[in-house]
N, C-alpha and C. Protein backbone atom coordinates (compact mmCIF):
# COMPACT_ATOMS: atom_id res chain seq x y z
N UNK A 1 81.65 3.75 24.65
CA UNK A 1 80.20 3.99 23.32
C UNK A 1 79.26 3.65 24.10
N UNK A 2 78.60 4.94 23.32
CA UNK A 2 77.27 4.23 23.92
C UNK A 2 77.31 4.36 22.43
N UNK A 3 75.27 3.61 22.55
CA UNK A 3 74.34 2.88 21.10
C UNK A 3 74.35 3.45 20.09
N UNK A 4 74.74 4.82 19.35
CA UNK A 4 75.02 4.64 18.48
C UNK A 4 75.92 4.49 17.94
N UNK A 5 77.24 4.50 18.43
CA UNK A 5 77.94 4.47 18.08
C UNK A 5 78.87 3.33 17.69
N UNK A 6 77.67 2.27 18.81
CA UNK A 6 77.89 0.88 17.81
C UNK A 6 76.99 0.71 17.37
N UNK A 7 76.39 0.88 16.71
CA UNK A 7 75.54 0.47 15.66
C UNK A 7 76.39 1.23 14.02
N UNK A 8 76.90 2.51 13.90
CA UNK A 8 77.46 2.38 13.66
C UNK A 8 79.01 1.89 12.59
N UNK A 9 79.48 1.65 14.34
CA UNK A 9 80.85 0.36 14.26
C UNK A 9 79.91 -1.76 13.51
N UNK A 10 78.76 -1.70 13.82
CA UNK A 10 78.49 -3.04 13.49
C UNK A 10 78.32 -2.81 11.97
N UNK A 11 77.76 -1.68 11.72
CA UNK A 11 77.38 -1.44 9.50
C UNK A 11 78.23 -1.06 8.51
N UNK A 12 79.31 -0.76 9.46
CA UNK A 12 81.03 -0.65 8.81
C UNK A 12 81.45 -1.59 8.60
N UNK A 13 81.35 -2.98 9.36
CA UNK A 13 81.81 -4.18 9.64
C UNK A 13 80.69 -5.03 8.47
N UNK A 14 79.18 -4.74 8.62
CA UNK A 14 78.69 -5.46 7.57
C UNK A 14 78.62 -5.27 6.52
N UNK A 15 78.62 -3.81 5.99
CA UNK A 15 79.37 -3.34 4.54
C UNK A 15 80.44 -4.10 4.55
N UNK A 16 81.35 -3.99 4.72
CA UNK A 16 82.44 -4.40 4.52
C UNK A 16 82.53 -6.17 4.50
N UNK A 17 82.32 -6.82 5.22
CA UNK A 17 81.23 -8.17 5.14
C UNK A 17 81.22 -8.31 3.15
N UNK A 18 80.11 -7.70 3.16
CA UNK A 18 78.95 -8.16 2.25
C UNK A 18 80.12 -7.51 0.70
N UNK A 19 81.19 -6.23 1.16
CA UNK A 19 81.60 -6.01 0.38
C UNK A 19 82.77 -7.03 -0.06
N UNK A 20 83.15 -7.57 1.01
CA UNK A 20 83.49 -8.65 0.66
C UNK A 20 83.17 -10.32 0.02
N UNK A 21 82.15 -10.21 0.27
CA UNK A 21 81.28 -11.70 -0.31
C UNK A 21 80.43 -11.14 -1.80
N UNK A 22 80.86 -9.72 -2.12
CA UNK A 22 80.18 -9.94 -3.30
C UNK A 22 82.62 -10.03 -4.62
N UNK A 23 83.26 -9.32 -3.52
CA UNK A 23 83.86 -10.17 -4.17
C UNK A 23 84.41 -11.10 -4.93
N UNK A 24 84.37 -12.00 -3.84
CA UNK A 24 84.14 -13.21 -3.97
C UNK A 24 83.62 -13.99 -4.54
N UNK A 25 82.16 -13.05 -4.87
CA UNK A 25 81.44 -14.45 -6.17
C UNK A 25 81.47 -13.79 -6.99
N UNK A 26 81.61 -12.86 -7.50
CA UNK A 26 82.70 -11.94 -9.06
C UNK A 26 83.30 -12.96 -8.75
N UNK A 27 84.63 -12.93 -8.28
CA UNK A 27 86.29 -14.68 -9.11
C UNK A 27 85.33 -14.88 -9.26
N UNK A 28 84.60 -15.84 -8.19
CA UNK A 28 84.05 -17.58 -8.34
C UNK A 28 83.66 -17.91 -9.33
N UNK A 29 82.67 -16.41 -9.69
CA UNK A 29 82.23 -16.04 -11.09
C UNK A 29 82.79 -16.40 -12.11
N UNK A 30 83.94 -15.70 -12.49
CA UNK A 30 84.94 -16.14 -12.80
C UNK A 30 85.78 -16.73 -13.13
N UNK A 31 86.03 -17.38 -12.11
CA UNK A 31 87.31 -18.72 -11.60
C UNK A 31 86.31 -19.76 -13.22
N UNK A 32 84.67 -19.42 -12.92
CA UNK A 32 83.77 -21.05 -13.19
C UNK A 32 83.90 -20.03 -14.36
N UNK A 33 83.87 -19.22 -15.73
CA UNK A 33 83.71 -18.92 -16.95
C UNK A 33 85.41 -19.47 -17.10
N UNK A 34 86.62 -19.09 -17.10
CA UNK A 34 87.74 -19.33 -17.45
C UNK A 34 87.77 -20.64 -17.41
N UNK A 35 87.32 -22.37 -16.26
CA UNK A 35 87.69 -22.89 -15.93
C UNK A 35 86.42 -23.56 -17.19
N UNK A 36 85.47 -23.22 -18.13
CA UNK A 36 84.30 -23.79 -18.96
C UNK A 36 85.17 -23.05 -20.52
N UNK A 37 85.88 -22.73 -20.64
CA UNK A 37 86.73 -22.29 -21.63
C UNK A 37 88.21 -23.11 -21.85
N UNK A 38 88.46 -22.81 -20.29
CA UNK A 38 89.43 -24.50 -20.70
C UNK A 38 89.58 -25.22 -20.82
N UNK A 39 88.05 -25.96 -20.43
CA UNK A 39 86.98 -27.32 -20.69
C UNK A 39 86.56 -27.19 -22.58
N UNK A 40 86.35 -26.40 -22.76
CA UNK A 40 86.30 -26.47 -24.22
C UNK A 40 87.31 -26.11 -25.44
N UNK A 41 88.22 -25.63 -24.39
CA UNK A 41 89.99 -25.65 -25.00
C UNK A 41 90.28 -26.92 -25.53
N UNK A 42 90.31 -27.77 -24.52
CA UNK A 42 90.97 -28.87 -24.04
C UNK A 42 90.41 -29.84 -25.32
N UNK A 43 88.63 -29.47 -24.57
CA UNK A 43 88.36 -30.50 -26.13
C UNK A 43 88.45 -30.14 -27.79
N UNK A 44 88.34 -29.25 -27.65
CA UNK A 44 88.50 -28.43 -29.62
C UNK A 44 90.62 -29.11 -29.58
N UNK A 45 90.66 -29.15 -28.30
CA UNK A 45 92.55 -29.57 -29.18
C UNK A 45 92.95 -30.96 -28.64
N UNK A 46 91.88 -31.81 -28.16
CA UNK A 46 92.05 -33.05 -28.86
C UNK A 46 91.28 -33.98 -29.77
N UNK A 47 89.91 -33.48 -30.19
CA UNK A 47 89.56 -33.52 -31.87
C UNK A 47 91.21 -33.30 -32.60
N UNK A 48 91.78 -32.34 -32.59
CA UNK A 48 92.98 -31.67 -33.73
C UNK A 48 94.14 -32.84 -33.56
N UNK A 49 94.38 -33.65 -32.62
CA UNK A 49 94.67 -34.19 -31.98
C UNK A 49 94.55 -35.88 -32.38
N UNK A 50 92.89 -36.09 -32.77
CA UNK A 50 92.42 -37.47 -32.77
C UNK A 50 93.04 -37.59 -34.57
N UNK A 51 92.63 -36.30 -35.71
CA UNK A 51 92.81 -35.45 -36.73
C UNK A 51 93.77 -36.35 -36.99
N UNK A 52 95.44 -35.22 -36.60
CA UNK A 52 96.66 -35.43 -36.81
C UNK A 52 97.22 -37.09 -36.64
N UNK A 53 96.64 -37.36 -35.90
CA UNK A 53 96.91 -39.04 -34.96
C UNK A 53 96.46 -39.70 -36.09
N UNK A 54 95.00 -39.36 -37.07
CA UNK A 54 94.50 -40.50 -38.49
C UNK A 54 95.65 -39.77 -39.66
N UNK A 55 95.27 -39.19 -39.26
CA UNK A 55 96.37 -38.54 -40.51
C UNK A 55 98.27 -38.80 -40.66
N UNK A 56 98.44 -39.10 -39.34
CA UNK A 56 99.42 -39.70 -39.10
C UNK A 56 99.85 -41.10 -39.39
N UNK A 57 98.50 -41.51 -39.37
CA UNK A 57 98.44 -43.19 -39.47
C UNK A 57 97.97 -43.75 -40.80
N UNK A 58 97.85 -42.72 -41.83
CA UNK A 58 97.35 -43.00 -43.43
C UNK A 58 98.76 -42.35 -43.60
N UNK A 59 99.48 -41.65 -43.35
CA UNK A 59 100.71 -41.30 -44.23
C UNK A 59 102.12 -42.26 -43.84
N UNK A 60 102.04 -42.82 -42.31
CA UNK A 60 102.65 -43.81 -42.06
C UNK A 60 102.45 -45.02 -43.14
N UNK A 61 100.73 -45.83 -42.86
CA UNK A 61 100.62 -46.89 -44.15
C UNK A 61 100.69 -46.51 -45.81
N UNK A 62 100.99 -45.03 -46.40
CA UNK A 62 100.70 -44.71 -47.84
C UNK A 62 102.71 -44.57 -47.10
N UNK A 63 103.68 -44.62 -46.44
CA UNK A 63 105.07 -44.68 -46.58
C UNK A 63 105.48 -46.33 -46.37
N UNK A 64 105.53 -46.76 -45.46
CA UNK A 64 105.84 -47.72 -44.69
C UNK A 64 104.58 -48.91 -44.97
N UNK A 65 103.88 -48.99 -45.69
CA UNK A 65 102.69 -50.05 -45.79
C UNK A 65 103.64 -51.05 -47.23
N UNK A 66 102.62 -51.96 -47.52
CA UNK A 66 103.69 -53.36 -48.16
C UNK A 66 103.57 -52.92 -49.83
N UNK A 67 103.43 -51.54 -49.65
CA UNK A 67 103.54 -51.57 -51.16
C UNK A 67 105.07 -50.59 -51.47
N UNK A 68 104.87 -50.25 -50.16
CA UNK A 68 106.70 -49.25 -50.19
C UNK A 68 107.86 -51.00 -50.32
N UNK A 69 107.46 -51.11 -50.18
CA UNK A 69 107.80 -52.68 -49.80
C UNK A 69 109.01 -53.16 -51.07
N UNK A 70 108.04 -53.18 -52.04
CA UNK A 70 108.08 -53.49 -53.58
C UNK A 70 109.68 -53.12 -54.11
N UNK A 71 110.91 -52.79 -54.13
CA UNK A 71 111.87 -52.39 -55.34
C UNK A 71 111.98 -52.97 -56.87
N UNK A 72 112.83 -51.76 -57.36
CA UNK A 72 112.75 -52.31 -58.51
C UNK A 72 113.88 -51.96 -58.58
N UNK A 73 114.84 -53.48 -59.86
CA UNK A 73 115.66 -54.69 -59.34
C UNK A 73 116.52 -53.59 -60.17
N UNK A 74 118.24 -53.76 -60.32
CA UNK A 74 119.24 -53.11 -60.95
C UNK A 74 119.02 -54.56 -62.14
N UNK A 75 118.80 -53.82 -63.39
CA UNK A 75 119.10 -54.42 -64.90
C UNK A 75 120.82 -55.43 -64.35
N UNK A 76 121.38 -53.97 -64.43
CA UNK A 76 123.35 -54.42 -64.48
C UNK A 76 124.07 -54.73 -63.27
N UNK A 77 123.37 -55.62 -62.21
CA UNK A 77 124.34 -55.55 -61.27
C UNK A 77 123.69 -57.75 -61.53
N UNK A 78 122.67 -57.81 -62.23
CA UNK A 78 122.30 -59.03 -62.56
C UNK A 78 123.01 -60.28 -64.10
N UNK A 79 123.97 -60.56 -63.64
CA UNK A 79 124.79 -60.69 -65.12
C UNK A 79 123.87 -62.02 -65.69
N UNK A 80 123.45 -61.89 -66.16
CA UNK A 80 123.29 -63.26 -67.17
C UNK A 80 123.43 -64.10 -68.32
N UNK A 81 123.17 -64.56 -68.60
CA UNK A 81 123.07 -65.45 -69.74
C UNK A 81 122.47 -65.35 -71.30
N UNK A 82 122.01 -65.54 -72.92
CA UNK A 82 121.03 -65.24 -73.18
C UNK A 82 120.92 -66.99 -73.54
N UNK A 83 119.71 -67.43 -73.79
CA UNK A 83 118.94 -68.47 -74.32
C UNK A 83 119.09 -68.68 -75.56
N UNK A 84 118.69 -68.82 -76.61
CA UNK A 84 117.76 -68.95 -78.17
C UNK A 84 116.45 -70.16 -77.80
N UNK A 85 115.22 -70.00 -77.68
CA UNK A 85 113.72 -70.35 -77.66
C UNK A 85 113.54 -70.42 -79.71
N UNK A 86 113.01 -71.10 -79.14
CA UNK A 86 111.98 -71.61 -80.84
C UNK A 86 111.44 -69.58 -80.73
N UNK A 87 110.39 -69.37 -80.16
CA UNK A 87 109.87 -67.95 -80.65
C UNK A 87 110.68 -66.70 -79.68
N UNK A 88 110.80 -66.47 -78.88
CA UNK A 88 111.73 -65.27 -77.95
C UNK A 88 113.13 -65.55 -77.50
N UNK A 89 113.52 -65.11 -77.23
CA UNK A 89 114.91 -64.83 -76.46
C UNK A 89 114.26 -64.80 -74.62
N UNK A 90 115.27 -66.43 -74.40
CA UNK A 90 114.99 -66.12 -72.76
C UNK A 90 115.60 -66.34 -71.96
N UNK A 91 115.87 -65.73 -70.96
CA UNK A 91 117.54 -64.74 -70.61
C UNK A 91 117.16 -65.69 -68.95
N UNK A 92 118.58 -66.44 -68.78
CA UNK A 92 118.77 -67.31 -66.97
C UNK A 92 119.88 -66.66 -66.64
N UNK A 93 119.44 -67.14 -65.33
CA UNK A 93 120.91 -66.03 -64.20
C UNK A 93 121.81 -66.92 -64.37
N UNK A 94 122.87 -66.64 -63.80
CA UNK A 94 124.53 -68.08 -63.96
C UNK A 94 124.03 -67.91 -62.73
N UNK A 95 124.38 -69.35 -62.41
CA UNK A 95 124.42 -70.57 -61.09
C UNK A 95 124.56 -70.16 -60.37
N UNK A 96 124.37 -70.02 -59.13
CA UNK A 96 124.85 -70.16 -57.99
C UNK A 96 126.22 -70.77 -57.29
N UNK A 97 127.47 -69.82 -57.18
CA UNK A 97 127.88 -70.15 -56.57
C UNK A 97 128.03 -71.35 -55.32
N UNK A 98 129.27 -71.89 -55.92
CA UNK A 98 129.51 -73.55 -54.56
C UNK A 98 130.30 -72.78 -53.27
N UNK A 99 130.19 -74.09 -52.51
CA UNK A 99 131.27 -73.47 -51.18
C UNK A 99 132.34 -73.97 -51.24
N UNK A 100 132.81 -74.64 -52.87
CA UNK A 100 134.48 -74.61 -52.79
C UNK A 100 134.72 -73.26 -53.67
N UNK A 101 134.01 -72.50 -55.03
CA UNK A 101 133.98 -71.50 -55.74
C UNK A 101 134.25 -69.87 -54.30
N UNK A 102 133.12 -70.29 -53.23
CA UNK A 102 133.63 -69.02 -52.18
C UNK A 102 134.44 -68.97 -51.48
N UNK A 103 134.44 -70.44 -50.92
CA UNK A 103 136.02 -69.93 -49.38
C UNK A 103 137.37 -70.91 -50.96
N UNK A 104 136.81 -71.08 -51.45
CA UNK A 104 139.02 -71.89 -51.95
C UNK A 104 140.07 -71.29 -52.06
N UNK A 105 139.53 -70.36 -52.27
CA UNK A 105 141.10 -68.63 -52.00
C UNK A 105 141.05 -69.56 -50.65
N UNK A 106 140.71 -68.98 -49.72
CA UNK A 106 140.65 -68.52 -48.20
C UNK A 106 141.70 -69.28 -47.26
N UNK A 107 143.04 -68.89 -47.13
CA UNK A 107 143.50 -69.61 -46.90
C UNK A 107 143.97 -70.29 -44.96
N UNK A 108 143.93 -71.75 -45.58
CA UNK A 108 143.53 -72.64 -44.46
C UNK A 108 145.36 -72.15 -44.03
N UNK A 109 144.89 -73.30 -42.49
CA UNK A 109 146.44 -72.94 -41.64
C UNK A 109 145.57 -74.57 -40.40
N UNK A 110 146.94 -75.74 -40.25
CA UNK A 110 146.76 -77.02 -39.71
C UNK A 110 147.05 -76.87 -38.58
N UNK A 111 147.03 -76.18 -37.74
CA UNK A 111 146.87 -76.86 -36.19
C UNK A 111 146.61 -78.24 -35.45
N UNK A 112 148.11 -79.19 -34.64
CA UNK A 112 148.22 -80.09 -34.69
C UNK A 112 147.82 -79.18 -32.71
N UNK A 113 146.35 -80.63 -31.93
CA UNK A 113 146.66 -79.54 -30.80
C UNK A 113 146.67 -81.27 -30.08
N UNK A 114 147.12 -81.09 -29.42
CA UNK A 114 147.98 -82.77 -28.95
C UNK A 114 146.36 -82.97 -27.41
N UNK A 115 146.20 -84.22 -27.15
CA UNK A 115 145.48 -84.36 -26.21
C UNK A 115 146.05 -85.15 -25.15
N UNK A 116 145.38 -85.73 -23.61
CA UNK A 116 145.97 -86.18 -22.51
C UNK A 116 145.99 -87.63 -22.68
N UNK A 117 145.17 -88.40 -24.10
CA UNK A 117 144.59 -89.49 -24.56
C UNK A 117 146.23 -89.37 -25.69
N UNK A 118 146.68 -90.50 -26.02
CA UNK A 118 147.39 -91.06 -27.27
C UNK A 118 146.43 -90.31 -28.34
N UNK A 119 145.45 -89.45 -28.59
CA UNK A 119 144.82 -89.27 -29.55
C UNK A 119 145.37 -87.86 -29.95
N UNK A 120 145.99 -87.13 -31.43
CA UNK A 120 145.68 -86.10 -31.54
C UNK A 120 144.61 -85.70 -32.37
N UNK A 121 144.93 -84.26 -32.43
CA UNK A 121 142.95 -83.75 -32.82
C UNK A 121 143.39 -82.60 -34.82
N UNK A 122 143.48 -82.26 -36.12
CA UNK A 122 144.00 -81.83 -36.38
C UNK A 122 142.45 -80.41 -36.94
N UNK A 123 142.84 -79.47 -36.32
CA UNK A 123 141.81 -78.47 -36.48
C UNK A 123 142.12 -77.69 -37.63
N UNK A 124 141.23 -77.09 -38.50
CA UNK A 124 141.53 -76.82 -39.63
C UNK A 124 140.80 -75.28 -39.49
N UNK A 125 141.49 -74.14 -39.19
CA UNK A 125 141.98 -72.90 -38.99
C UNK A 125 141.25 -71.82 -39.91
N UNK A 126 139.64 -71.05 -40.18
CA UNK A 126 139.64 -70.21 -41.12
C UNK A 126 140.07 -68.99 -40.30
N UNK A 127 141.10 -68.61 -41.10
CA UNK A 127 141.48 -66.91 -40.01
C UNK A 127 139.61 -65.89 -39.85
N UNK A 128 139.35 -65.02 -38.66
CA UNK A 128 138.31 -64.15 -39.01
C UNK A 128 137.88 -63.54 -40.37
N UNK A 129 137.22 -62.98 -40.64
CA UNK A 129 136.77 -62.43 -42.27
C UNK A 129 137.10 -61.04 -41.10
N UNK A 130 138.01 -59.02 -42.20
CA UNK A 130 138.02 -58.61 -40.47
C UNK A 130 137.26 -57.53 -41.74
N UNK A 131 136.46 -56.41 -41.57
CA UNK A 131 135.97 -56.15 -41.87
C UNK A 131 136.11 -54.38 -42.10
């Protein structure tokens, strides 16, 4: 090859490399723009999440806060006895049931358990409640 052919070949290689550099530079610029857009999008989403969490916390306070724990008692379930007082009627609750009243009707089974010594122990067995 002569000098002129080498120059033409060299110039075409340089043009190809310059074109490749230009394409890569454009690609990098697009990548940088995409990264900036995504960062802005992330910041917007973080703000949205913070706002939604604040709203959720407020709803939870309203729904599960101390105000929601107050319940109205059913008047039908309470057995009341009326006592007359000078100026008004006062209602009193029925007395609390004693252990004898609660457990008095349960069947009792006595079982003698012999011991090695000459002492015997009597156990009172109350059957388990089945639910």
